[in-house]
Amino acid sequence: MNNGEREAACKKIRSDNEECLSDFKWDLVDQGLMEKTISRHLNNLDLFLNKFMLGEEAKAMEEGPYLVDDFYKNYFIHKCDWATGGSIKSTSESLKKFYMCMFNNGRIETEDYMELSKTIKDKMPEWQAEYEQTKEGK
C-alpha cells in the first residue's frame, strides 16, 4: 500500500470510527452515565481506534478485539507517559463497553466480543506486571 492508498484507507476508517463512537456515546448517555465518565470512555476509544489502530497500518475497528494484547504490551504501557495500573483497567472497561455496543449494533460477531473479553481477563495480570516493571525502570 503506497502513501496515497494508506491515507485514503485511514480517512475511510476514521469516518467509520466517528460513526461507531457516536453510536457508543449515545449508548452511554442512554445508560445514564455522567458526562465525565462518557468523556473518559470516548477518549480511551479515540486512543485505541484512531491512534493505535491507525498507527503503523490502517486497521478497522473490527480487528480491535484481536489486537488488545498488542495495544497494551507495545503501545499503551510504553508510549503513554500518563499510563497507570488504574488506567489499564479503566481503558479495558472502555474497550469492553465499546465492543459490547458494537456487538449489540451488529458490527461485530459474538466470537469477536468473546475474544476481547477473554484476552482482557487472561492478560490483565500480565499487563499490570509489565506496567510495574516499566515504572520501576523509569
Protein backbone atom coordinates (compact mmCIF):
# COMPACT_ATOMS: atom_id res chain seq x y z
CA MET A 1 0.00 0.00 0.00
CA ASN A 2 1.51 3.34 -1.03
CA ASN A 3 1.13 6.57 0.98
CA GLY A 4 -1.88 7.78 -1.00
CA GLU A 5 -3.69 4.48 -0.56
CA ARG A 6 -2.84 4.42 3.15
CA GLU A 7 -4.12 7.98 3.64
CA ALA A 8 -7.36 7.13 1.82
CA ALA A 9 -7.79 3.98 3.93
CA CYS A 10 -7.14 5.92 7.15
CA LYS A 11 -9.63 8.62 6.13
CA LYS A 12 -12.32 5.99 5.49
CA ILE A 13 -11.58 4.18 8.75
CA ARG A 14 -11.62 7.47 10.74
CA SER A 15 -15.03 8.24 9.25
CA ASP A 16 -16.30 4.77 10.19
CA ASN A 17 -14.79 5.21 13.68
CA GLU A 18 -16.62 8.53 14.14
CA GLU A 19 -19.89 6.79 13.39
CA CYS A 20 -19.09 3.98 15.83
CA LEU A 21 -18.02 6.43 18.54
CA SER A 22 -21.22 8.42 18.04
CA ASP A 23 -23.31 5.27 18.49
CA PHE A 24 -21.23 4.41 21.57
CA LYS A 25 -21.70 7.89 23.05
CA TRP A 26 -25.48 7.66 22.71
CA ASP A 27 -25.42 4.18 24.23
CA LEU A 28 -23.54 5.58 27.24
CA VAL A 29 -25.97 8.51 27.50
CA ASP A 30 -28.88 6.05 27.43
CA GLN A 31 -27.22 4.16 30.30
CA GLY A 32 -27.37 7.37 32.35
CA LEU A 33 -23.61 7.79 32.73
CA MET A 34 -22.22 11.18 33.73
CA GLU A 35 -20.60 13.38 31.09
CA LYS A 36 -17.16 13.00 32.73
CA THR A 37 -17.42 9.20 32.53
CA ILE A 38 -18.64 9.33 28.93
CA SER A 39 -15.75 11.62 28.02
CA ARG A 40 -13.23 9.23 29.61
CA HIS A 41 -14.62 6.27 27.66
CA LEU A 42 -14.60 8.24 24.40
CA ASN A 43 -11.03 9.45 24.97
CA ASN A 44 -9.89 5.89 25.69
CA LEU A 45 -11.52 4.66 22.48
CA ASP A 46 -10.10 7.52 20.42
CA LEU A 47 -6.63 6.49 21.58
CA PHE A 48 -7.26 2.85 20.69
CA LEU A 49 -9.10 3.33 17.38
CA ASN A 50 -7.57 6.48 15.92
CA LYS A 51 -4.03 6.43 17.31
CA PHE A 52 -3.05 2.81 17.90
CA MET A 53 -5.14 1.12 15.19
CA LEU A 54 -4.17 3.70 12.57
CA GLY A 55 -0.52 3.90 13.66
CA GLU A 56 1.68 1.68 11.52
CA GLU A 57 -1.08 0.12 9.45
CA ALA A 58 -4.65 1.17 8.77
CA LYS A 59 -6.73 -1.29 10.80
CA ALA A 60 -10.51 -1.20 11.03
CA MET A 61 -12.48 -1.28 14.28
CA GLU A 62 -13.50 -4.89 13.63
CA GLU A 63 -9.88 -6.02 14.06
CA GLY A 64 -9.62 -4.45 17.51
CA PRO A 65 -10.66 -7.42 19.66
CA TYR A 66 -7.68 -9.34 18.29
CA LEU A 67 -5.18 -6.51 18.88
CA VAL A 68 -5.80 -5.67 22.54
CA ASP A 69 -2.78 -7.57 23.84
CA ASP A 70 -0.53 -5.82 21.32
CA PHE A 71 -2.10 -2.48 22.28
CA TYR A 72 -1.16 -2.85 25.93
CA LYS A 73 2.21 -4.57 25.52
CA ASN A 74 3.63 -2.49 22.68
CA TYR A 75 1.77 0.80 22.82
CA PHE A 76 -0.15 1.81 25.93
CA ILE A 77 2.31 0.79 28.65
CA HIS A 78 5.38 2.11 26.82
CA LYS A 79 4.15 5.12 24.84
CA CYS A 80 1.55 6.70 27.13
CA ASP A 81 3.54 8.50 29.82
CA TRP A 82 0.37 9.01 31.83
CA ALA A 83 -0.41 5.26 31.94
CA THR A 84 -1.05 3.75 35.37
CA GLY A 85 -2.24 0.41 36.64
CA GLY A 86 -5.65 2.03 37.09
CA SER A 87 -5.72 3.43 33.58
CA ILE A 88 -5.05 -0.06 32.18
CA LYS A 89 -8.18 -1.29 33.97
CA SER A 90 -10.18 1.79 33.01
CA THR A 91 -9.22 1.54 29.35
CA SER A 92 -10.08 -2.16 29.37
CA GLU A 93 -13.51 -1.30 30.79
CA SER A 94 -13.97 1.22 27.97
CA LEU A 95 -12.95 -1.34 25.35
CA LYS A 96 -15.39 -3.91 26.71
CA LYS A 97 -18.26 -1.41 26.82
CA PHE A 98 -17.49 -0.19 23.31
CA TYR A 99 -17.26 -3.63 21.76
CA MET A 100 -20.43 -4.76 23.55
CA CYS A 101 -22.14 -1.76 21.94
CA MET A 102 -20.69 -2.76 18.56
CA PHE A 103 -21.94 -6.33 19.11
CA ASN A 104 -25.40 -5.07 20.09
CA ASN A 105 -25.45 -2.97 16.91
CA GLY A 106 -24.42 -5.93 14.72
CA ARG A 107 -20.98 -4.55 13.85
CA ILE A 108 -19.01 -7.46 15.32
CA GLU A 109 -19.77 -11.13 15.92
CA THR A 110 -20.18 -12.97 19.23
CA GLU A 111 -16.76 -14.61 18.88
CA ASP A 112 -15.11 -11.21 18.42
CA TYR A 113 -16.54 -9.92 21.69
CA MET A 114 -15.72 -13.18 23.47
CA GLU A 115 -12.11 -12.96 22.25
CA LEU A 116 -11.80 -9.42 23.61
CA SER A 117 -13.29 -10.37 26.99
CA LYS A 118 -11.12 -13.47 27.31
CA THR A 119 -7.96 -11.59 26.38
CA ILE A 120 -8.65 -8.84 28.91
CA LYS A 121 -9.45 -11.36 31.66
CA ASP A 122 -6.46 -13.60 30.93
CA LYS A 123 -3.87 -10.91 30.21
CA MET A 124 -4.73 -8.22 32.79
CA PRO A 125 -2.27 -9.58 35.40
CA GLU A 126 0.47 -9.70 32.76
CA TRP A 127 -0.22 -6.10 31.65
CA GLN A 128 -0.25 -4.91 35.26
CA ALA A 129 3.07 -6.67 35.96
CA GLU A 130 4.63 -5.22 32.80
CA TYR A 131 3.45 -1.76 33.78
CA GLU A 132 5.04 -2.16 37.23
CA GLN A 133 8.33 -3.34 35.68
CA THR A 134 8.30 -0.42 33.25
CA LYS A 135 7.50 2.05 36.04
CA GLU A 136 10.45 0.76 38.09
CA GLY A 137 12.75 1.24 35.10
CA LYS A 138 11.76 4.92 34.61
